[in-house]
Amino acid sequence: MNRYRSVSIKSKWVKTKWLLGSEALKDHVPPTVPFSRDALKRMLEKYPTVYFKPTGGTGGFNIIRIAKQGAGFRTKQKSAVRRHSGLDALYGFLSPKASREPYLLQKGIALATVKGKPFDIRVMVQKSSEGVWTSTGVFLKIGKPGTVATNYAQGGKIGFLEPSLSAAGFSRQGIAEVRGDLERLGVQVGKLFDKRKKGFRELGLDVALDKHDKLWILEVNTRPQFYPLRKAGDRKLFRRILSFAKQYGRTR
C-alpha cells in the first residue's frame, strides 16, 4: 500500500458524530440517530420523511425512504413500495435488516430539483502536496424522479453546477454564492476530520440543497468515486481531481 494513501473510515455514524460535534458544521447536518424502535418512533413523530440507511453502505444501496401515509407508513427501496399499517409493522419490516448490520435514521431533506429531477451535490476536497485542503471539484448527482438515491450506481446522472442551477432558476450571482459556500464547507470538513484522525487526503461530501437554498451534509465519503466524470463531458475537472489523487497514490 502506498504510504501516502488516504485513510478511509466506513462508519457513517462515526463521521456524522464528528460533524455534529462541530459548532461550525452541526447546523448543516440533518438530525441523524442510530436505529432503534424508540428512535424510529421519535423521528417519525417529528419529520414527515425519514431515511433508513446502513452505516457502512455505499452507492446508495439498501437505503429505504419512510414516509407517513394516513395512520400508517409507506416505504420505498429502489422501485419497491410497501405499505405498513403502523409502527409495529414498520419496525418488524426494518429490524431484521438492522440485525445484520447497524443502520441509521436520518431526517429526509426535500431536495431541490432540475427539470423535475432531484439532485444532490458532490464536493471533492483533496490535499495538495503541501498538505493544504483544496476544493478540487463540485458536480451534481441527478436522480430519476421518485428515486430514493441519486447515486450513479442507482441510475443517476452526472450534472454540472452552473448549467444545472441555471436551469433550476438560480441567477449567476446566486450560483457563484452556492459554489463559494460549497467549497468553504468542504475545506471546513477536511480541517475537522484532520483533528479527529490523521491521514486523510481526500473527502467527498454529499450535500443537499433544499428548497430554501440551505446546504445539508448528508454524508462524507472517505473513498469518494470520481470515475463517472471521465465520461460526463468535463475532462478538465476529471484531470484536476486525478492530478491531486496521484499525489497520494490513487490512479482512478
Protein backbone atom coordinates (compact mmCIF):
# COMPACT_ATOMS: atom_id res chain seq x y z
CA MET A 1 0.00 0.00 0.00
CA ASN A 2 1.27 3.46 -0.87
CA ARG A 3 2.32 5.19 2.33
CA TYR A 4 0.62 8.38 1.16
CA ARG A 5 -2.73 6.73 0.55
CA SER A 6 -5.70 8.47 2.14
CA VAL A 7 -7.22 6.98 5.28
CA SER A 8 -10.73 5.56 4.89
CA ILE A 9 -13.48 5.25 7.51
CA LYS A 10 -16.54 3.19 6.67
CA SER A 11 -18.91 4.06 9.52
CA LYS A 12 -21.31 6.86 8.60
CA TRP A 13 -22.19 7.20 12.28
CA VAL A 14 -18.60 7.91 13.34
CA LYS A 15 -18.28 10.61 10.68
CA THR A 16 -21.70 12.08 11.46
CA LYS A 17 -20.81 12.34 15.16
CA TRP A 18 -17.69 14.29 14.22
CA LEU A 19 -19.81 16.74 12.21
CA LEU A 20 -22.44 17.05 14.96
CA GLY A 21 -19.66 17.83 17.45
CA SER A 22 -18.55 20.86 15.44
CA GLU A 23 -20.11 24.22 16.29
CA ALA A 24 -19.36 25.44 12.77
CA LEU A 25 -20.87 22.45 10.97
CA LYS A 26 -23.59 20.90 13.14
CA ASP A 27 -26.32 23.17 11.72
CA HIS A 28 -25.57 21.72 8.28
CA VAL A 29 -26.24 18.13 9.36
CA PRO A 30 -29.78 16.67 9.22
CA PRO A 31 -30.89 15.10 12.52
CA THR A 32 -29.38 11.59 12.48
CA VAL A 33 -29.55 8.82 15.10
CA PRO A 34 -28.76 5.10 15.34
CA PHE A 35 -31.75 2.90 14.52
CA SER A 36 -33.90 1.54 17.34
CA ARG A 37 -37.64 1.23 17.87
CA ASP A 38 -37.74 4.29 20.14
CA ALA A 39 -35.62 6.31 17.71
CA LEU A 40 -37.91 5.29 14.84
CA LYS A 41 -40.96 6.43 16.80
CA ARG A 42 -39.37 9.78 17.75
CA MET A 43 -38.10 10.56 14.27
CA LEU A 44 -41.44 9.78 12.62
CA GLU A 45 -43.26 11.92 15.15
CA LYS A 46 -41.04 14.87 14.19
CA TYR A 47 -40.47 14.51 10.46
CA PRO A 48 -42.73 13.54 7.53
CA THR A 49 -39.92 11.65 5.77
CA VAL A 50 -37.07 9.65 7.31
CA TYR A 51 -34.28 7.68 5.65
CA PHE A 52 -33.13 4.29 6.93
CA LYS A 53 -29.55 3.75 5.79
CA PRO A 54 -26.75 1.29 6.62
CA THR A 55 -23.81 2.84 8.45
CA GLY A 56 -21.39 1.14 6.08
CA GLY A 57 -23.29 1.22 2.81
CA THR A 58 -22.00 2.67 -0.46
CA GLY A 59 -23.55 3.57 -3.78
CA GLY A 60 -26.98 4.29 -2.31
CA PHE A 61 -27.76 0.59 -1.95
CA ASN A 62 -30.09 -0.61 0.86
CA ILE A 63 -31.39 2.89 1.61
CA ILE A 64 -35.11 2.94 2.42
CA ARG A 65 -37.26 6.05 2.43
CA ILE A 66 -40.03 6.07 5.03
CA ALA A 67 -43.00 8.43 4.74
CA LYS A 68 -46.17 8.80 6.74
CA GLN A 69 -49.29 7.67 4.93
CA GLY A 70 -52.55 8.14 6.77
CA ALA A 71 -52.41 6.15 10.00
CA GLY A 72 -49.59 4.01 8.64
CA PHE A 73 -46.37 4.32 6.69
CA ARG A 74 -45.04 3.84 3.19
CA THR A 75 -41.52 2.60 2.44
CA LYS A 76 -39.64 2.70 -0.81
CA GLN A 77 -36.38 0.91 -1.65
CA LYS A 78 -35.30 1.35 -5.26
CA SER A 79 -38.65 0.78 -7.04
CA ALA A 80 -40.20 -1.48 -4.39
CA VAL A 81 -43.01 0.23 -2.47
CA ARG A 82 -44.58 -1.28 0.65
CA ARG A 83 -47.30 -0.09 2.98
CA HIS A 84 -47.23 -0.74 6.74
CA SER A 85 -50.30 -0.45 8.97
CA GLY A 86 -48.49 1.14 11.91
CA LEU A 87 -45.23 1.50 13.81
CA ASP A 88 -45.10 -2.14 14.92
CA ALA A 89 -45.47 -3.39 11.35
CA LEU A 90 -42.87 -0.92 10.10
CA TYR A 91 -40.41 -1.88 12.83
CA GLY A 92 -41.00 -5.55 12.07
CA PHE A 93 -40.05 -4.89 8.45
CA LEU A 94 -36.90 -2.88 9.23
CA SER A 95 -35.46 -4.65 12.27
CA PRO A 96 -34.26 -7.86 10.51
CA LYS A 97 -32.12 -5.69 8.24
CA ALA A 98 -30.64 -3.87 11.24
CA SER A 99 -29.88 -7.19 12.94
CA ARG A 100 -27.38 -7.97 10.17
CA GLU A 101 -25.59 -4.61 10.21
CA PRO A 102 -26.11 -1.30 12.02
CA TYR A 103 -28.42 1.28 10.47
CA LEU A 104 -29.07 4.99 10.93
CA LEU A 105 -32.21 7.08 10.74
CA GLN A 106 -31.86 10.49 9.11
CA LYS A 107 -34.38 13.27 8.60
CA GLY A 108 -35.38 13.45 4.95
CA ILE A 109 -34.41 16.64 3.17
CA ALA A 110 -36.63 17.73 0.29
CA LEU A 111 -34.04 18.05 -2.46
CA ALA A 112 -34.03 20.87 -4.95
CA THR A 113 -34.84 19.72 -8.48
CA VAL A 114 -33.69 20.48 -12.00
CA LYS A 115 -36.27 19.77 -14.72
CA GLY A 116 -38.27 17.75 -12.18
CA LYS A 117 -35.33 15.56 -11.16
CA PRO A 118 -33.95 15.64 -7.60
CA PHE A 119 -30.24 16.26 -7.15
CA ASP A 120 -27.58 16.45 -4.52
CA ILE A 121 -24.09 17.83 -4.87
CA ARG A 122 -20.71 16.12 -4.57
CA VAL A 123 -17.95 18.35 -3.23
CA MET A 124 -14.48 16.89 -3.68
CA VAL A 125 -11.80 18.17 -1.30
CA GLN A 126 -8.22 16.97 -1.57
CA LYS A 127 -4.89 17.81 -0.02
CA SER A 128 -2.22 19.44 -2.09
CA SER A 129 1.36 18.16 -1.95
CA GLU A 130 1.90 20.83 0.75
CA GLY A 131 -0.89 19.31 2.87
CA VAL A 132 -3.42 22.11 2.27
CA TRP A 133 -7.08 21.17 1.81
CA THR A 134 -8.39 22.38 -1.55
CA SER A 135 -11.86 22.11 -3.02
CA THR A 136 -10.99 20.48 -6.35
CA GLY A 137 -14.37 19.75 -7.84
CA VAL A 138 -18.10 20.35 -7.48
CA PHE A 139 -20.62 18.41 -9.54
CA LEU A 140 -24.20 17.17 -9.28
CA LYS A 141 -25.69 13.72 -8.93
CA ILE A 142 -29.09 13.95 -10.60
CA GLY A 143 -31.54 11.18 -9.77
CA LYS A 144 -34.56 9.89 -11.61
CA PRO A 145 -37.90 11.35 -10.48
CA GLY A 146 -39.20 9.39 -7.49
CA THR A 147 -35.95 7.56 -6.83
CA VAL A 148 -34.64 7.03 -3.30
CA ALA A 149 -30.97 7.78 -4.10
CA THR A 150 -29.27 9.98 -6.69
CA ASN A 151 -26.14 7.81 -6.94
CA TYR A 152 -24.59 6.96 -10.30
CA ALA A 153 -24.85 3.29 -9.30
CA GLN A 154 -28.62 3.77 -8.92
CA GLY A 155 -29.11 5.18 -12.41
CA GLY A 156 -28.34 8.78 -11.55
CA LYS A 157 -26.63 11.11 -13.98
CA ILE A 158 -23.71 13.49 -13.52
CA GLY A 159 -24.50 17.19 -13.91
CA PHE A 160 -22.52 20.39 -13.57
CA LEU A 161 -23.22 23.22 -11.21
CA GLU A 162 -23.61 26.27 -13.45
CA PRO A 163 -25.92 24.86 -16.15
CA SER A 164 -27.94 22.78 -13.68
CA LEU A 165 -28.56 25.58 -11.17
CA SER A 166 -29.26 27.99 -14.02
CA ALA A 167 -31.94 25.56 -15.26
CA ALA A 168 -33.27 25.41 -11.67
CA GLY A 169 -33.76 29.20 -11.72
CA PHE A 170 -30.63 30.48 -9.98
CA SER A 171 -29.02 33.73 -11.10
CA ARG A 172 -25.32 33.90 -11.97
CA GLN A 173 -24.66 35.62 -8.65
CA GLY A 174 -26.71 33.00 -6.80
CA ILE A 175 -24.75 30.19 -8.45
CA ALA A 176 -21.43 31.85 -7.53
CA GLU A 177 -22.58 32.15 -3.91
CA VAL A 178 -23.63 28.49 -3.76
CA ARG A 179 -20.29 27.39 -5.24
CA GLY A 180 -18.37 29.51 -2.73
CA ASP A 181 -20.40 28.13 0.18
CA LEU A 182 -19.87 24.53 -1.02
CA GLU A 183 -16.12 24.98 -1.39
CA ARG A 184 -15.81 26.57 2.06
CA LEU A 185 -17.89 23.76 3.56
CA GLY A 186 -15.62 21.17 2.00
CA VAL A 187 -12.45 22.74 3.38
CA GLN A 188 -14.05 23.11 6.83
CA VAL A 189 -14.91 19.40 6.87
CA GLY A 190 -11.38 18.50 5.80
CA LYS A 191 -9.87 20.51 8.64
CA LEU A 192 -12.32 18.98 11.14
CA PHE A 193 -11.52 15.42 10.03
CA ASP A 194 -7.79 16.15 10.41
CA LYS A 195 -8.42 16.99 14.06
CA ARG A 196 -10.16 13.66 14.57
CA LYS A 197 -7.78 11.34 12.75
CA LYS A 198 -4.53 11.71 10.83
CA GLY A 199 -4.06 10.51 7.28
CA PHE A 200 -6.98 11.92 5.29
CA ARG A 201 -6.03 13.21 1.84
CA GLU A 202 -9.40 13.16 0.08
CA LEU A 203 -13.04 13.51 1.05
CA GLY A 204 -16.26 13.61 -0.94
CA LEU A 205 -19.16 15.46 0.66
CA ASP A 206 -22.70 14.61 -0.43
CA VAL A 207 -24.57 17.87 0.08
CA ALA A 208 -28.28 18.52 -0.34
CA LEU A 209 -29.58 21.90 -1.39
CA ASP A 210 -33.09 22.24 -0.01
CA LYS A 211 -35.94 24.32 -1.36
CA HIS A 212 -34.89 27.21 0.90
CA ASP A 213 -31.35 27.12 -0.56
CA LYS A 214 -29.82 25.75 2.65
CA LEU A 215 -26.94 23.29 2.37
CA TRP A 216 -27.13 19.99 4.27
CA ILE A 217 -24.28 17.49 4.56
CA LEU A 218 -25.92 14.11 4.02
CA GLU A 219 -22.68 12.18 4.47
CA VAL A 220 -18.93 12.34 3.95
CA ASN A 221 -17.20 9.71 1.84
CA THR A 222 -13.58 8.90 2.62
CA ARG A 223 -13.13 6.91 -0.59
CA PRO A 224 -15.12 9.07 -2.99
CA GLN A 225 -15.67 7.91 -6.55
CA PHE A 226 -14.97 10.35 -9.34
CA TYR A 227 -14.56 7.99 -12.32
CA PRO A 228 -18.04 8.87 -13.75
CA LEU A 229 -16.65 12.32 -14.55
CA ARG A 230 -14.38 10.74 -17.15
CA LYS A 231 -17.38 10.15 -19.41
CA ALA A 232 -19.50 13.10 -18.28
CA GLY A 233 -18.19 15.75 -20.62
CA ASP A 234 -15.79 17.67 -18.37
CA ARG A 235 -12.37 16.10 -18.82
CA LYS A 236 -10.72 19.17 -17.30
CA LEU A 237 -12.50 18.61 -13.98
CA PHE A 238 -11.66 14.90 -14.04
CA ARG A 239 -7.97 15.61 -14.77
CA ARG A 240 -7.79 18.20 -11.96
CA ILE A 241 -9.13 15.73 -9.37
CA LEU A 242 -6.93 12.94 -10.72
CA SER A 243 -3.81 15.13 -10.60
CA PHE A 244 -4.33 15.62 -6.85
CA ALA A 245 -5.19 11.94 -6.37
CA LYS A 246 -1.97 10.76 -7.99
CA GLN A 247 -0.01 12.61 -5.29
CA TYR A 248 -1.30 10.09 -2.74
CA GLY A 249 -1.15 7.03 -4.96
CA ARG A 250 -4.65 6.88 -6.38
CA THR A 251 -4.97 6.43 -10.11
CA ARG A 252 -8.72 6.03 -10.62
